[in-house]
PDB file of N, CA and C in Angstrom:
ATOM      1  N   MET A   1     183.913 -58.143 191.988  1.00  0.00           N
ATOM      2  CA  MET A   1     184.746 -57.430 193.724  1.00  0.00           C
ATOM      3  C   MET A   1     185.987 -58.491 194.276  1.00  0.00           C
ATOM      4  N   THR A   2     186.684 -59.190 193.079  1.00  0.00           N
ATOM      5  CA  THR A   2     187.163 -60.102 193.938  1.00  0.00           C
ATOM      6  C   THR A   2     188.681 -59.680 194.370  1.00  0.00           C
ATOM      7  N   ASP A   3     188.619 -59.832 195.974  1.00  0.00           N
ATOM      8  CA  ASP A   3     189.953 -59.251 196.343  1.00  0.00           C
ATOM      9  C   ASP A   3     191.265 -60.867 196.392  1.00  0.00           C
ATOM     10  N   SER A   4     192.324 -60.379 195.639  1.00  0.00           N
ATOM     11  CA  SER A   4     193.513 -61.389 195.559  1.00  0.00           C
ATOM     12  C   SER A   4     194.089 -61.381 197.058  1.00  0.00           C
ATOM     13  N   ILE A   5     194.181 -62.596 197.343  1.00  0.00           N
ATOM     14  CA  ILE A   5     194.777 -62.316 198.925  1.00  0.00           C
ATOM     15  C   ILE A   5     196.300 -62.748 198.659  1.00  0.00           C
ATOM     16  N   TRP A   6     196.708 -64.037 197.480  1.00  0.00           N
ATOM     17  CA  TRP A   6     197.773 -64.554 197.518  1.00  0.00           C
ATOM     18  C   TRP A   6     198.354 -63.672 196.072  1.00  0.00           C
ATOM     19  N   GLY A   7     199.642 -63.477 196.491  1.00  0.00           N
ATOM     20  CA  GLY A   7     200.768 -62.249 196.042  1.00  0.00           C
ATOM     21  C   GLY A   7     201.455 -63.527 194.612  1.00  0.00           C
ATOM     22  N   PRO A   8     201.643 -62.437 194.135  1.00  0.00           N
ATOM     23  CA  PRO A   8     202.790 -63.903 193.060  1.00  0.00           C
ATOM     24  C   PRO A   8     203.459 -64.511 193.752  1.00  0.00           C
ATOM     25  N   ARG A   9     204.183 -65.811 193.100  1.00  0.00           N
ATOM     26  CA  ARG A   9     204.940 -66.753 193.836  1.00  0.00           C
ATOM     27  C   ARG A   9     206.383 -66.358 193.294  1.00  0.00           C
ATOM     28  N   PRO A  10     207.233 -65.708 193.605  1.00  0.00           N
ATOM     29  CA  PRO A  10     208.993 -66.284 194.022  1.00  0.00           C
ATOM     30  C   PRO A  10     209.485 -67.232 192.777  1.00  0.00           C
ATOM     31  N   LEU A  11     209.991 -66.549 191.509  1.00  0.00           N
ATOM     32  CA  LEU A  11     210.533 -67.556 190.955  1.00  0.00           C
ATOM     33  C   LEU A  11     211.410 -68.562 191.445  1.00  0.00           C
ATOM     34  N   GLN A  12     211.964 -67.719 193.015  1.00  0.00           N
ATOM     35  CA  GLN A  12     213.055 -68.898 193.222  1.00  0.00           C
ATOM     36  C   GLN A  12     212.218 -69.933 194.350  1.00  0.00           C
ATOM     37  N   SER A  13     211.213 -70.276 194.326  1.00  0.00           N
ATOM     38  CA  SER A  13     210.301 -71.253 195.298  1.00  0.00           C
ATOM     39  C   SER A  13     209.665 -71.539 194.133  1.00  0.00           C
ATOM     40  N   VAL A  14     209.697 -71.422 193.140  1.00  0.00           N
ATOM     41  CA  VAL A  14     209.291 -72.629 191.936  1.00  0.00           C
ATOM     42  C   VAL A  14     210.613 -73.054 191.348  1.00  0.00           C
ATOM     43  N   VAL A  15     211.853 -72.372 191.353  1.00  0.00           N
ATOM     44  CA  VAL A  15     212.966 -73.476 190.723  1.00  0.00           C
ATOM     45  C   VAL A  15     212.848 -74.597 192.049  1.00  0.00           C
ATOM     46  N   VAL A  16     212.905 -74.779 193.165  1.00  0.00           N
ATOM     47  CA  VAL A  16     212.937 -75.127 194.374  1.00  0.00           C
ATOM     48  C   VAL A  16     211.942 -76.536 194.044  1.00  0.00           C
ATOM     49  N   GLU A  17     210.546 -75.795 193.874  1.00  0.00           N
ATOM     50  CA  GLU A  17     209.341 -76.921 193.464  1.00  0.00           C
ATOM     51  C   GLU A  17     209.191 -77.792 192.014  1.00  0.00           C
ATOM     52  N   ILE A  18     210.541 -77.372 191.250  1.00  0.00           N
ATOM     53  CA  ILE A  18     210.508 -78.006 190.067  1.00  0.00           C
ATOM     54  C   ILE A  18     211.160 -78.845 190.114  1.00  0.00           C
ATOM     55  N   LEU A  19     212.769 -78.684 191.286  1.00  0.00           N
ATOM     56  CA  LEU A  19     213.675 -79.593 191.634  1.00  0.00           C
ATOM     57  C   LEU A  19     213.050 -80.684 192.131  1.00  0.00           C
ATOM     58  N   GLN A  20     212.786 -80.407 192.857  1.00  0.00           N
ATOM     59  CA  GLN A  20     211.848 -81.747 193.913  1.00  0.00           C
ATOM     60  C   GLN A  20     210.891 -82.403 193.514  1.00  0.00           C
ATOM     61  N   LYS A  21     210.306 -81.642 192.236  1.00  0.00           N
ATOM     62  CA  LYS A  21     209.563 -82.679 191.589  1.00  0.00           C
ATOM     63  C   LYS A  21     210.409 -83.694 190.333  1.00  0.00           C
ATOM     64  N   LYS A  22     210.836 -83.193 189.839  1.00  0.00           N
ATOM     65  CA  LYS A  22     211.870 -83.512 188.820  1.00  0.00           C
ATOM     66  C   LYS A  22     212.925 -83.788 188.867  1.00  0.00           C
ATOM     67  N   GLY A  23     213.962 -83.752 189.686  1.00  0.00           N
ATOM     68  CA  GLY A  23     215.083 -84.101 190.136  1.00  0.00           C
ATOM     69  C   GLY A  23     216.278 -83.064 189.697  1.00  0.00           C
ATOM     70  N   ALA A  24     216.840 -83.670 189.717  1.00  0.00           N
ATOM     71  CA  ALA A  24     218.188 -82.716 188.720  1.00  0.00           C
ATOM     72  C   ALA A  24     218.480 -83.016 186.979  1.00  0.00           C
ATOM     73  N   MET A  25     218.266 -81.750 186.708  1.00  0.00           N
ATOM     74  CA  MET A  25     217.727 -81.547 185.123  1.00  0.00           C
ATOM     75  C   MET A  25     218.849 -80.335 184.872  1.00  0.00           C
ATOM     76  N   PRO A  26     218.887 -80.156 183.490  1.00  0.00           N
ATOM     77  CA  PRO A  26     220.421 -79.493 182.614  1.00  0.00           C
ATOM     78  C   PRO A  26     219.588 -77.743 183.019  1.00  0.00           C
ATOM     79  N   ASP A  27     220.539 -76.833 183.078  1.00  0.00           N
ATOM     80  CA  ASP A  27     219.434 -75.525 183.048  1.00  0.00           C
ATOM     81  C   ASP A  27     218.583 -74.977 182.237  1.00  0.00           C
ATOM     82  N   THR A  28     218.909 -75.710 180.801  1.00  0.00           N
ATOM     83  CA  THR A  28     218.625 -75.286 179.957  1.00  0.00           C
ATOM     84  C   THR A  28     216.793 -75.660 179.739  1.00  0.00           C
ATOM     85  N   GLU A  29     217.088 -77.186 180.084  1.00  0.00           N
ATOM     86  CA  GLU A  29     215.271 -77.414 180.137  1.00  0.00           C
ATOM     87  C   GLU A  29     214.508 -77.478 181.909  1.00  0.00           C
ATOM     88  N   LEU A  30     215.850 -76.589 182.882  1.00  0.00           N
ATOM     89  CA  LEU A  30     214.783 -76.103 183.596  1.00  0.00           C
ATOM     90  C   LEU A  30     214.330 -74.415 183.275  1.00  0.00           C
ATOM     91  N   HIS A  31     214.842 -73.540 182.425  1.00  0.00           N
ATOM     92  CA  HIS A  31     214.414 -72.178 181.871  1.00  0.00           C
ATOM     93  C   HIS A  31     213.040 -72.459 181.031  1.00  0.00           C
ATOM     94  N   LYS A  32     213.478 -73.616 180.303  1.00  0.00           N
ATOM     95  CA  LYS A  32     211.950 -74.118 179.504  1.00  0.00           C
ATOM     96  C   LYS A  32     210.681 -74.457 180.531  1.00  0.00           C
ATOM     97  N   GLU A  33     210.900 -75.208 181.288  1.00  0.00           N
ATOM     98  CA  GLU A  33     209.745 -75.105 182.167  1.00  0.00           C
ATOM     99  C   GLU A  33     209.451 -73.770 182.432  1.00  0.00           C
ATOM    100  N   LEU A  34     210.155 -73.260 183.440  1.00  0.00           N
ATOM    101  CA  LEU A  34     210.136 -71.742 184.210  1.00  0.00           C
ATOM    102  C   LEU A  34     209.381 -71.118 182.624  1.00  0.00           C
ATOM    103  N   LYS A  35     209.885 -71.142 181.705  1.00  0.00           N
ATOM    104  CA  LYS A  35     209.191 -70.455 180.270  1.00  0.00           C
ATOM    105  C   LYS A  35     207.528 -70.590 180.230  1.00  0.00           C
ATOM    106  N   GLU A  36     207.399 -71.773 179.879  1.00  0.00           N
ATOM    107  CA  GLU A  36     205.992 -72.654 180.291  1.00  0.00           C
ATOM    108  C   GLU A  36     205.021 -72.166 181.570  1.00  0.00           C
ATOM    109  N   SER A  37     205.589 -72.408 182.304  1.00  0.00           N
ATOM    110  CA  SER A  37     204.949 -71.682 183.782  1.00  0.00           C
ATOM    111  C   SER A  37     204.151 -70.257 183.713  1.00  0.00           C
ATOM    112  N   PHE A  38     205.208 -69.272 183.475  1.00  0.00           N
ATOM    113  CA  PHE A  38     205.461 -68.024 183.533  1.00  0.00           C
ATOM    114  C   PHE A  38     205.681 -66.965 182.566  1.00  0.00           C
ATOM    115  N   GLY A  39     205.869 -67.420 181.368  1.00  0.00           N
ATOM    116  CA  GLY A  39     206.251 -66.937 179.608  1.00  0.00           C
ATOM    117  C   GLY A  39     207.091 -66.365 179.568  1.00  0.00           C
ATOM    118  N   ASP A  40     207.468 -64.744 179.820  1.00  0.00           N
ATOM    119  CA  ASP A  40     208.706 -64.365 179.469  1.00  0.00           C
ATOM    120  C   ASP A  40     209.736 -64.712 180.657  1.00  0.00           C
ATOM    121  N   VAL A  41     210.781 -65.203 180.957  1.00  0.00           N
ATOM    122  CA  VAL A  41     211.592 -65.462 182.030  1.00  0.00           C
ATOM    123  C   VAL A  41     212.917 -65.530 181.255  1.00  0.00           C
ATOM    124  N   SER A  42     213.885 -64.641 181.111  1.00  0.00           N
ATOM    125  CA  SER A  42     215.155 -64.922 180.451  1.00  0.00           C
ATOM    126  C   SER A  42     216.065 -65.046 180.796  1.00  0.00           C
ATOM    127  N   PHE A  43     216.969 -66.303 180.396  1.00  0.00           N
ATOM    128  CA  PHE A  43     217.848 -67.078 180.966  1.00  0.00           C
ATOM    129  C   PHE A  43     218.981 -65.902 181.925  1.00  0.00           C
ATOM    130  N   ARG A  44     218.828 -64.994 181.564  1.00  0.00           N
ATOM    131  CA  ARG A  44     219.836 -64.128 182.471  1.00  0.00           C
ATOM    132  C   ARG A  44     218.831 -64.052 183.744  1.00  0.00           C
ATOM    133  N   GLU A  45     217.557 -64.050 184.009  1.00  0.00           N
ATOM    134  CA  GLU A  45     216.821 -64.289 185.206  1.00  0.00           C
ATOM    135  C   GLU A  45     217.048 -65.477 185.782  1.00  0.00           C
ATOM    136  N   VAL A  46     217.206 -66.519 185.225  1.00  0.00           N
ATOM    137  CA  VAL A  46     217.355 -67.994 185.512  1.00  0.00           C
ATOM    138  C   VAL A  46     218.715 -67.752 186.181  1.00  0.00           C
ATOM    139  N   ASN A  47     219.797 -67.616 185.513  1.00  0.00           N
ATOM    140  CA  ASN A  47     220.750 -67.624 186.046  1.00  0.00           C
ATOM    141  C   ASN A  47     221.219 -66.748 187.142  1.00  0.00           C
ATOM    142  N   ARG A  48     220.487 -65.683 187.696  1.00  0.00           N
ATOM    143  CA  ARG A  48     220.660 -64.835 188.977  1.00  0.00           C
ATOM    144  C   ARG A  48     219.782 -65.648 190.110  1.00  0.00           C
ATOM    145  N   ILE A  49     218.509 -66.032 189.399  1.00  0.00           N
ATOM    146  CA  ILE A  49     217.814 -67.015 190.552  1.00  0.00           C
ATOM    147  C   ILE A  49     219.051 -68.340 190.982  1.00  0.00           C
ATOM    148  N   LEU A  50     219.584 -69.052 190.324  1.00  0.00           N
ATOM    149  CA  LEU A  50     220.275 -69.832 190.328  1.00  0.00           C
ATOM    150  C   LEU A  50     221.840 -69.739 191.129  1.00  0.00           C
ATOM    151  N   MET A  51     222.048 -68.739 191.052  1.00  0.00           N
ATOM    152  CA  MET A  51     223.564 -67.619 191.683  1.00  0.00           C
ATOM    153  C   MET A  51     222.810 -67.340 193.341  1.00  0.00           C
ATOM    154  N   LYS A  52     221.782 -66.895 193.255  1.00  0.00           N
ATOM    155  CA  LYS A  52     221.642 -66.845 194.846  1.00  0.00           C
ATOM    156  C   LYS A  52     221.354 -67.850 195.457  1.00  0.00           C
ATOM    157  N   LEU A  53     220.531 -69.069 194.720  1.00  0.00           N
ATOM    158  CA  LEU A  53     219.708 -70.330 195.490  1.00  0.00           C
ATOM    159  C   LEU A  53     221.416 -71.323 195.612  1.00  0.00           C
ATOM    160  N   GLU A  54     222.718 -71.007 194.871  1.00  0.00           N
ATOM    161  CA  GLU A  54     223.386 -71.790 195.583  1.00  0.00           C
ATOM    162  C   GLU A  54     224.877 -70.760 196.261  1.00  0.00           C
ATOM    163  N   LEU A  55     224.053 -70.093 196.529  1.00  0.00           N
ATOM    164  CA  LEU A  55     225.033 -69.145 197.670  1.00  0.00           C
ATOM    165  C   LEU A  55     224.153 -69.948 198.872  1.00  0.00           C
ATOM    166  N   THR A  56     223.066 -69.504 198.757  1.00  0.00           N
ATOM    167  CA  THR A  56     222.655 -69.776 199.762  1.00  0.00           C
ATOM    168  C   THR A  56     222.482 -71.685 200.158  1.00  0.00           C
ATOM    169  N   GLY A  57     223.271 -72.438 199.902  1.00  0.00           N
ATOM    170  CA  GLY A  57     223.076 -73.770 199.477  1.00  0.00           C
ATOM    171  C   GLY A  57     222.122 -74.812 199.144  1.00  0.00           C
ATOM    172  N   ILE A  58     221.052 -74.087 198.742  1.00  0.00           N
ATOM    173  CA  ILE A  58     219.567 -74.823 197.971  1.00  0.00           C
ATOM    174  C   ILE A  58     219.647 -75.802 197.015  1.00  0.00           C
ATOM    175  N   VAL A  59     220.695 -74.878 196.092  1.00  0.00           N
ATOM    176  CA  VAL A  59     220.920 -76.133 194.899  1.00  0.00           C
ATOM    177  C   VAL A  59     222.561 -75.990 194.796  1.00  0.00           C
ATOM    178  N   ARG A  60     222.968 -76.988 193.505  1.00  0.00           N
ATOM    179  CA  ARG A  60     224.239 -77.256 194.055  1.00  0.00           C
ATOM    180  C   ARG A  60     223.989 -77.691 191.312  1.00  0.00           C
ATOM    181  N   VAL A  61     225.206 -76.103 191.290  1.00  0.00           N
ATOM    182  CA  VAL A  61     225.129 -76.037 189.468  1.00  0.00           C
ATOM    183  C   VAL A  61     226.327 -76.623 189.034  1.00  0.00           C
ATOM    184  N   SER A  62     226.694 -77.427 188.370  1.00  0.00           N
ATOM    185  CA  SER A  62     227.759 -78.608 187.555  1.00  0.00           C
ATOM    186  C   SER A  62     227.630 -78.184 186.303  1.00  0.00           C
ATOM    187  N   ARG A  63     228.954 -78.387 186.083  1.00  0.00           N
ATOM    188  CA  ARG A  63     229.133 -77.999 184.634  1.00  0.00           C
ATOM    189  C   ARG A  63     229.463 -79.519 183.778  1.00  0.00           C
ATOM    190  N   LEU A  64     228.109 -79.247 182.630  1.00  0.00           N
ATOM    191  CA  LEU A  64     227.889 -80.577 182.159  1.00  0.00           C
ATOM    192  C   LEU A  64     228.619 -80.622 180.584  1.00  0.00           C
ATOM    193  N   LEU A  65     228.715 -79.744 179.781  1.00  0.00           N
ATOM    194  CA  LEU A  65     229.759 -79.483 178.564  1.00  0.00           C
ATOM    195  C   LEU A  65     229.823 -77.945 178.760  1.00  0.00           C
ATOM    196  N   LYS A  66     230.511 -77.318 177.328  1.00  0.00           N
ATOM    197  CA  LYS A  66     231.086 -76.195 177.938  1.00  0.00           C
ATOM    198  C   LYS A  66     229.780 -75.129 177.768  1.00  0.00           C
ATOM    199  N   LYS A  67     228.558 -75.662 177.195  1.00  0.00           N
ATOM    200  CA  LYS A  67     227.218 -74.310 177.504  1.00  0.00           C
ATOM    201  C   LYS A  67     226.170 -74.944 177.935  1.00  0.00           C
ATOM    202  N   ARG A  68     226.504 -75.596 178.988  1.00  0.00           N
ATOM    203  CA  ARG A  68     225.048 -76.841 179.679  1.00  0.00           C
ATOM    204  C   ARG A  68     225.566 -77.119 180.668  1.00  0.00           C
ATOM    205  N   ARG A  69     224.704 -76.752 182.150  1.00  0.00           N
ATOM    206  CA  ARG A  69     224.957 -76.826 183.536  1.00  0.00           C
ATOM    207  C   ARG A  69     224.312 -77.979 183.926  1.00  0.00           C
ATOM    208  N   ARG A  70     224.085 -78.464 184.913  1.00  0.00           N
ATOM    209  CA  ARG A  70     223.281 -79.506 185.835  1.00  0.00           C
ATOM    210  C   ARG A  70     223.078 -79.219 186.872  1.00  0.00           C
ATOM    211  N   VAL A  71     221.599 -78.953 187.371  1.00  0.00           N
ATOM    212  CA  VAL A  71     221.032 -78.149 188.266  1.00  0.00           C
ATOM    213  C   VAL A  71     220.442 -78.912 189.244  1.00  0.00           C
ATOM    214  N   GLU A  72     221.002 -79.354 190.555  1.00  0.00           N
ATOM    215  CA  GLU A  72     220.472 -80.377 191.265  1.00  0.00           C
ATOM    216  C   GLU A  72     219.900 -79.766 192.733  1.00  0.00           C
ATOM    217  N   LEU A  73     219.293 -79.940 193.514  1.00  0.00           N
ATOM    218  CA  LEU A  73     218.782 -79.910 194.856  1.00  0.00           C
ATOM    219  C   LEU A  73     219.268 -80.462 195.815  1.00  0.00           C
ATOM    220  N   VAL A  74     220.033 -79.427 196.876  1.00  0.00           N
ATOM    221  CA  VAL A  74     221.017 -79.946 197.959  1.00  0.00           C
ATOM    222  C   VAL A  74     219.658 -80.104 199.092  1.00  0.00           C
ATOM    223  N   ILE A  75     219.828 -81.517 199.128  1.00  0.00           N
ATOM    224  CA  ILE A  75     219.045 -82.208 200.830  1.00  0.00           C
ATOM    225  C   ILE A  75     220.253 -82.059 201.350  1.00  0.00           C
ATOM    226  N   PRO A  76     219.842 -80.893 203.044  1.00  0.00           N
ATOM    227  CA  PRO A  76     220.462 -81.404 204.081  1.00  0.00           C
ATOM    228  C   PRO A  76     220.626 -82.686 204.881  1.00  0.00           C
ATOM    229  N   GLU A  77     221.998 -83.069 204.961  1.00  0.00           N
ATOM    230  CA  GLU A  77     221.905 -84.231 205.886  1.00  0.00           C
ATOM    231  C   GLU A  77     221.293 -83.845 207.270  1.00  0.00           C
ATOM    232  N   LYS A  78     220.441 -85.216 208.048  1.00  0.00           N
ATOM    233  CA  LYS A  78     219.819 -84.573 209.328  1.00  0.00           C
ATOM    234  C   LYS A  78     221.620 -85.086 210.170  1.00  0.00           C
ATOM    235  N   PRO A  79     221.214 -84.232 211.327  1.00  0.00           N
ATOM    236  CA  PRO A  79     222.025 -84.572 212.030  1.00  0.00           C
ATOM    237  C   PRO A  79     221.930 -85.552 212.968  1.00  0.00           C
ATOM    238  N   SER A  80     222.789 -86.721 213.005  1.00  0.00           N
ATOM    239  CA  SER A  80     222.441 -88.061 214.249  1.00  0.00           C
ATOM    240  C   SER A  80     222.515 -88.071 215.072  1.00  0.00           C
TER     241      SER A  80
END
């Protein structure tokens, strides 16, 4: 009879946490990290999450090679 008060963690939050801990990384490594944590996470889901985070200005995705991209956390500058 244990009631769980914590819901599942959103993947967006986990992506931000991974990038805070490990810094910028290729999207394939990020996908591998998410699969280790959550199990069945498709690359399509990762792309969808990265698109949302990029549109909100939280991450920056740039192209490394033809099929590899670099994902980095954008740290907003503090106003002086």
